[in-house]
């Protein structure tokens, strides 16, 4: 098996693969970027399997994120936003819930007061 040895043009990782992959597109095992396996020519040498193809590494580029950096809100920020939008505290029950509870419990409170009054009379 003849091997082709070369360096990844993106990350300079040393790669050795079968000569059957010559002129085919492969993925670098290190940086996972696509590249073409070079074709070796004997070039007058008596041992073509000894040829090493060297490639210069691609110049390093600064990473620039296309995603904007998010500023996460704290619990206080969320509470302030909720208070600003709704006019209520986020931990406070809505007003209609308080009224509903009072309306549903008022007959029981009235009956409780009635029984306490009757018990005091006896």
Protein backbone atom coordinates (compact mmCIF):
# COMPACT_ATOMS: atom_id res chain seq x y z
CA UNK A 1 0.00 0.00 0.00
CA UNK A 2 1.43 3.36 -1.04
CA UNK A 3 0.88 6.15 1.44
CA UNK A 4 0.53 9.82 0.81
CA UNK A 5 1.72 12.02 3.65
CA UNK A 6 0.79 15.67 3.72
CA UNK A 7 -0.30 18.45 6.05
CA UNK A 8 -3.79 19.87 6.36
CA UNK A 9 -3.86 23.32 4.71
CA UNK A 10 -6.16 24.62 7.48
CA UNK A 11 -4.58 23.38 10.74
CA UNK A 12 -1.23 21.85 9.63
CA UNK A 13 -2.18 18.45 11.05
CA UNK A 14 0.04 15.70 9.62
CA UNK A 15 -2.08 13.25 7.64
CA UNK A 16 -1.17 9.92 6.05
CA UNK A 17 -3.61 8.10 3.82
CA UNK A 18 -3.66 5.55 1.06
CA UNK A 19 -2.67 6.70 -2.42
CA UNK A 20 -6.12 5.52 -3.52
CA UNK A 21 -7.48 8.76 -2.01
CA UNK A 22 -5.36 10.97 -4.31
CA UNK A 23 -7.32 13.90 -5.76
CA UNK A 24 -10.33 13.08 -3.57
CA UNK A 25 -11.98 15.36 -1.05
CA UNK A 26 -11.58 14.22 2.57
CA UNK A 27 -12.26 15.78 5.97
CA UNK A 28 -9.37 16.57 8.28
CA UNK A 29 -9.61 14.42 11.43
CA UNK A 30 -8.34 17.32 13.54
CA UNK A 31 -10.16 20.46 12.36
CA UNK A 32 -12.94 18.67 10.41
CA UNK A 33 -12.58 20.96 7.39
CA UNK A 34 -12.69 19.58 3.84
CA UNK A 35 -9.55 19.35 1.72
CA UNK A 36 -8.30 17.63 -1.39
CA UNK A 37 -5.67 14.91 -1.06
CA UNK A 38 -2.70 15.90 -3.24
CA UNK A 39 -1.62 13.80 -6.21
CA UNK A 40 2.00 12.72 -6.01
CA UNK A 41 4.08 12.41 -9.11
CA UNK A 42 7.30 10.45 -9.20
CA UNK A 43 9.16 13.47 -10.55
CA UNK A 44 12.17 11.37 -11.50
CA UNK A 45 12.66 9.81 -8.08
CA UNK A 46 13.20 6.10 -7.78
CA UNK A 47 11.06 5.81 -4.64
CA UNK A 48 7.76 7.67 -5.14
CA UNK A 49 6.41 6.35 -1.83
CA UNK A 50 9.12 8.37 -0.11
CA UNK A 51 7.86 11.70 -1.47
CA UNK A 52 6.41 14.04 1.07
CA UNK A 53 4.17 16.86 0.02
CA UNK A 54 4.36 19.84 2.29
CA UNK A 55 1.79 22.53 2.28
CA UNK A 56 1.91 25.83 4.01
CA UNK A 57 -0.69 26.34 6.70
CA UNK A 58 -3.44 28.77 5.97
CA UNK A 59 -2.98 32.08 7.77
CA UNK A 60 -4.79 32.16 11.06
CA UNK A 61 -7.83 34.35 11.07
CA UNK A 62 -9.31 35.97 14.10
CA UNK A 63 -12.58 34.45 15.14
CA UNK A 64 -15.44 36.89 14.85
CA UNK A 65 -18.79 35.70 16.08
CA UNK A 66 -21.80 36.57 13.95
CA UNK A 67 -24.05 35.95 16.90
CA UNK A 68 -24.54 39.01 19.08
CA UNK A 69 -23.38 38.70 22.66
CA UNK A 70 -26.40 38.45 24.92
CA UNK A 71 -26.61 40.22 28.24
CA UNK A 72 -28.59 37.84 30.47
CA UNK A 73 -31.09 39.39 32.84
CA UNK A 74 -30.92 38.85 36.55
CA UNK A 75 -33.96 37.94 38.66
CA UNK A 76 -34.30 41.61 39.64
CA UNK A 77 -34.24 42.69 35.98
CA UNK A 78 -37.06 40.25 35.15
CA UNK A 79 -39.10 41.43 38.14
CA UNK A 80 -38.63 45.07 37.15
CA UNK A 81 -39.62 44.31 33.53
CA UNK A 82 -42.73 42.40 34.66
CA UNK A 83 -43.69 45.23 37.03
CA UNK A 84 -43.18 47.79 34.24
CA UNK A 85 -45.31 45.84 31.71
CA UNK A 86 -48.14 44.63 33.96
CA UNK A 87 -48.07 47.08 36.85
CA UNK A 88 -47.98 44.17 39.33
CA UNK A 89 -45.32 42.35 41.25
CA UNK A 90 -44.37 39.02 39.61
CA UNK A 91 -44.90 37.11 42.88
CA UNK A 92 -48.24 38.75 43.61
CA UNK A 93 -51.44 36.97 42.62
CA UNK A 94 -53.57 38.85 40.07
CA UNK A 95 -56.28 41.03 41.58
CA UNK A 96 -59.13 38.95 40.13
CA UNK A 97 -57.80 35.85 41.91
CA UNK A 98 -57.88 37.66 45.25
CA UNK A 99 -61.45 38.85 44.63
CA UNK A 100 -62.56 35.36 43.57
CA UNK A 101 -61.10 33.80 46.71
CA UNK A 102 -62.84 36.41 48.88
CA UNK A 103 -66.18 35.86 47.13
CA UNK A 104 -65.94 32.08 47.48
CA UNK A 105 -64.87 32.17 51.15
CA UNK A 106 -67.21 34.92 52.40
CA UNK A 107 -70.21 32.57 53.00
CA UNK A 108 -68.04 30.31 55.14
CA UNK A 109 -66.71 33.28 57.09
CA UNK A 110 -70.28 34.50 57.65
CA UNK A 111 -71.41 31.08 58.84
CA UNK A 112 -68.40 30.83 61.14
CA UNK A 113 -69.25 34.19 62.71
CA UNK A 114 -72.89 33.09 63.09
CA UNK A 115 -71.90 29.89 64.91
CA UNK A 116 -69.48 31.78 67.16
CA UNK A 117 -72.30 34.21 68.01
CA UNK A 118 -74.72 31.35 68.75
CA UNK A 119 -72.16 29.57 70.92
CA UNK A 120 -71.62 32.75 72.93
CA UNK A 121 -75.38 33.03 73.56
CA UNK A 122 -75.64 29.54 75.17
